[in-house]
Amino acid sequence: MIVNGNTEFTGSDHGRAWKAVNAVLALPTQASVTLHTKTDANETRIEYQVSGAPKDAVLCVAVVESGLVSRVRRGENVGRALSHTNVVRKFVTLPLDAATGSMSLDSEFSPSKRDLQVIAFLQNSRTMAIFAATGVHL
């Protein structure tokens, strides 16, 4: 597991995970990112606004899908049905040339009965530290 782009450990260590996440959440924020979706008959656009981002930050945008189930046919989990949350379907890294911008999603991500969400985060391109994050359902 990696927390805030720079602290890593075995994800099954629940105590360490909670401690690392809570430590990051307690830090003051200096940057922010907001998302809005605009959908018409032809496309879905994601509009973003960024403030307080350092000069070497990039905006990472992921389209994730939840509510998925896979039936295991072999191996140690044979016969089980595994649930999946926030499976990344698309990932894009955008340079921050301006405080506002937009990107178009492929037609496969148009609103439907699929449980889709767009998650965006500001990240230092050198250290991988994360400054801000947000998400919006499609």
Protein backbone atom coordinates (compact mmCIF):
# COMPACT_ATOMS: atom_id res chain seq x y z
CA MET A 1 0.00 0.00 0.00
CA ILE A 2 1.22 3.51 -0.79
CA VAL A 3 -0.14 6.48 1.15
CA ASN A 4 0.19 10.01 -0.22
CA GLY A 5 2.55 8.86 -2.94
CA ASN A 6 5.54 8.30 -0.67
CA THR A 7 4.86 6.00 2.33
CA GLU A 8 4.72 2.31 1.46
CA PHE A 9 4.08 -0.86 3.45
CA THR A 10 2.20 -4.15 3.29
CA GLY A 11 -1.47 -3.31 2.79
CA SER A 12 -2.66 -6.00 5.19
CA ASP A 13 -1.07 -4.07 8.08
CA HIS A 14 -4.35 -2.37 9.08
CA GLY A 15 -2.90 -0.51 12.06
CA ARG A 16 -0.13 1.02 10.00
CA ALA A 17 -2.56 1.86 7.20
CA TRP A 18 -4.93 3.77 9.49
CA LYS A 19 -2.03 5.54 11.16
CA ALA A 20 -0.51 6.62 7.81
CA VAL A 21 -3.83 7.79 6.36
CA ASN A 22 -4.81 9.71 9.50
CA ALA A 23 -1.38 11.38 9.64
CA VAL A 24 -1.78 12.67 6.08
CA LEU A 25 -5.37 13.78 6.66
CA ALA A 26 -4.24 15.82 9.68
CA LEU A 27 -1.86 17.92 7.54
CA PRO A 28 -3.10 21.35 6.40
CA THR A 29 -4.02 21.56 2.73
CA GLN A 30 -2.54 24.21 0.50
CA ALA A 31 -3.95 23.01 -2.81
CA SER A 32 -7.36 21.97 -4.04
CA VAL A 33 -8.93 20.39 -7.09
CA THR A 34 -12.62 20.35 -8.06
CA LEU A 35 -14.37 18.41 -10.81
CA HIS A 36 -17.59 18.91 -12.76
CA THR A 37 -19.09 16.70 -15.43
CA LYS A 38 -20.89 17.88 -18.54
CA THR A 39 -22.69 15.31 -20.63
CA ASP A 40 -24.47 15.73 -23.92
CA ALA A 41 -25.56 13.32 -26.64
CA ASN A 42 -22.03 13.00 -28.02
CA GLU A 43 -19.63 13.00 -25.08
CA THR A 44 -18.90 13.38 -21.40
CA ARG A 45 -16.45 16.13 -20.46
CA ILE A 46 -14.67 16.45 -17.17
CA GLU A 47 -13.94 20.05 -16.22
CA TYR A 48 -11.39 20.71 -13.49
CA GLN A 49 -10.25 23.66 -11.41
CA VAL A 50 -6.99 23.67 -9.49
CA SER A 51 -5.71 26.14 -6.92
CA GLY A 52 -2.54 26.30 -4.86
CA ALA A 53 -0.70 23.68 -6.90
CA PRO A 54 3.10 23.81 -6.82
CA LYS A 55 4.84 24.43 -10.16
CA ASP A 56 5.92 20.80 -10.60
CA ALA A 57 2.45 19.31 -10.00
CA VAL A 58 0.48 17.23 -12.47
CA LEU A 59 -3.19 16.30 -12.44
CA CYS A 60 -3.87 12.57 -12.47
CA VAL A 61 -7.36 11.53 -13.54
CA ALA A 62 -8.77 8.01 -13.20
CA VAL A 63 -12.11 6.62 -14.31
CA VAL A 64 -12.98 3.82 -11.89
CA GLU A 65 -15.79 1.28 -11.82
CA SER A 66 -17.33 -0.40 -8.77
CA GLY A 67 -19.92 -3.09 -8.25
CA LEU A 68 -17.97 -5.72 -10.19
CA VAL A 69 -17.85 -9.41 -9.33
CA SER A 70 -15.60 -12.15 -10.70
CA ARG A 71 -16.14 -15.85 -10.21
CA VAL A 72 -12.87 -17.66 -9.54
CA ARG A 73 -12.47 -20.90 -11.48
CA ARG A 74 -8.99 -21.95 -10.35
CA GLY A 75 -6.41 -21.49 -7.63
CA GLU A 76 -6.73 -20.90 -3.92
CA ASN A 77 -10.00 -18.96 -4.29
CA VAL A 78 -11.71 -21.47 -6.59
CA GLY A 79 -15.49 -21.36 -6.32
CA ARG A 80 -15.55 -17.93 -4.67
CA ALA A 81 -17.15 -14.77 -5.98
CA LEU A 82 -14.86 -11.79 -5.44
CA SER A 83 -16.24 -8.24 -5.28
CA HIS A 84 -14.23 -5.38 -6.80
CA THR A 85 -14.41 -1.67 -5.99
CA ASN A 86 -12.76 1.22 -7.86
CA VAL A 87 -11.29 -0.82 -10.71
CA VAL A 88 -9.30 1.64 -12.86
CA ARG A 89 -10.70 1.71 -16.40
CA LYS A 90 -8.76 4.75 -17.67
CA PHE A 91 -5.85 6.73 -16.26
CA VAL A 92 -4.48 10.00 -17.62
CA THR A 93 -1.78 12.34 -16.34
CA LEU A 94 -2.21 15.96 -17.41
CA PRO A 95 0.35 18.77 -17.15
CA LEU A 96 -1.03 21.82 -15.36
CA ASP A 97 -0.68 24.54 -17.95
CA ALA A 98 -3.58 26.49 -16.45
CA ALA A 99 -5.71 26.50 -13.30
CA THR A 100 -8.73 25.29 -15.27
CA GLY A 101 -9.17 22.80 -18.06
CA SER A 102 -11.17 19.88 -19.34
CA MET A 103 -10.84 16.48 -20.89
CA SER A 104 -13.22 14.35 -22.90
CA LEU A 105 -14.01 10.79 -21.89
CA ASP A 106 -14.36 7.98 -24.37
CA SER A 107 -17.97 7.19 -25.32
CA GLU A 108 -17.76 3.96 -23.34
CA PHE A 109 -17.77 6.07 -20.17
CA SER A 110 -20.99 7.92 -20.92
CA PRO A 111 -23.42 7.70 -18.00
CA SER A 112 -25.11 4.32 -17.92
CA LYS A 113 -26.10 1.75 -15.36
CA ARG A 114 -22.41 1.14 -14.65
CA ASP A 115 -21.14 2.46 -11.30
CA LEU A 116 -18.51 4.87 -12.64
CA GLN A 117 -16.62 7.59 -10.83
CA VAL A 118 -13.89 10.03 -11.85
CA ILE A 119 -11.14 10.51 -9.29
CA ALA A 120 -8.54 13.26 -9.70
CA PHE A 121 -5.49 14.09 -7.63
CA LEU A 122 -2.69 16.65 -7.75
CA GLN A 123 0.71 15.02 -7.51
CA ASN A 124 4.31 16.19 -7.39
CA SER A 125 5.85 14.79 -10.57
CA ARG A 126 9.24 14.25 -8.89
CA THR A 127 8.47 13.08 -5.32
CA MET A 128 5.02 11.56 -6.06
CA ALA A 129 3.54 13.31 -2.98
CA ILE A 130 -0.16 14.06 -3.33
CA PHE A 131 -1.44 17.57 -2.55
CA ALA A 132 -5.20 17.27 -3.11
CA ALA A 133 -7.81 14.80 -4.35
CA THR A 134 -11.49 14.66 -5.21
CA GLY A 135 -14.02 12.51 -7.02
CA VAL A 136 -17.35 12.76 -8.81
CA HIS A 137 -19.82 10.10 -9.93
CA LEU A 138 -20.76 9.90 -13.59
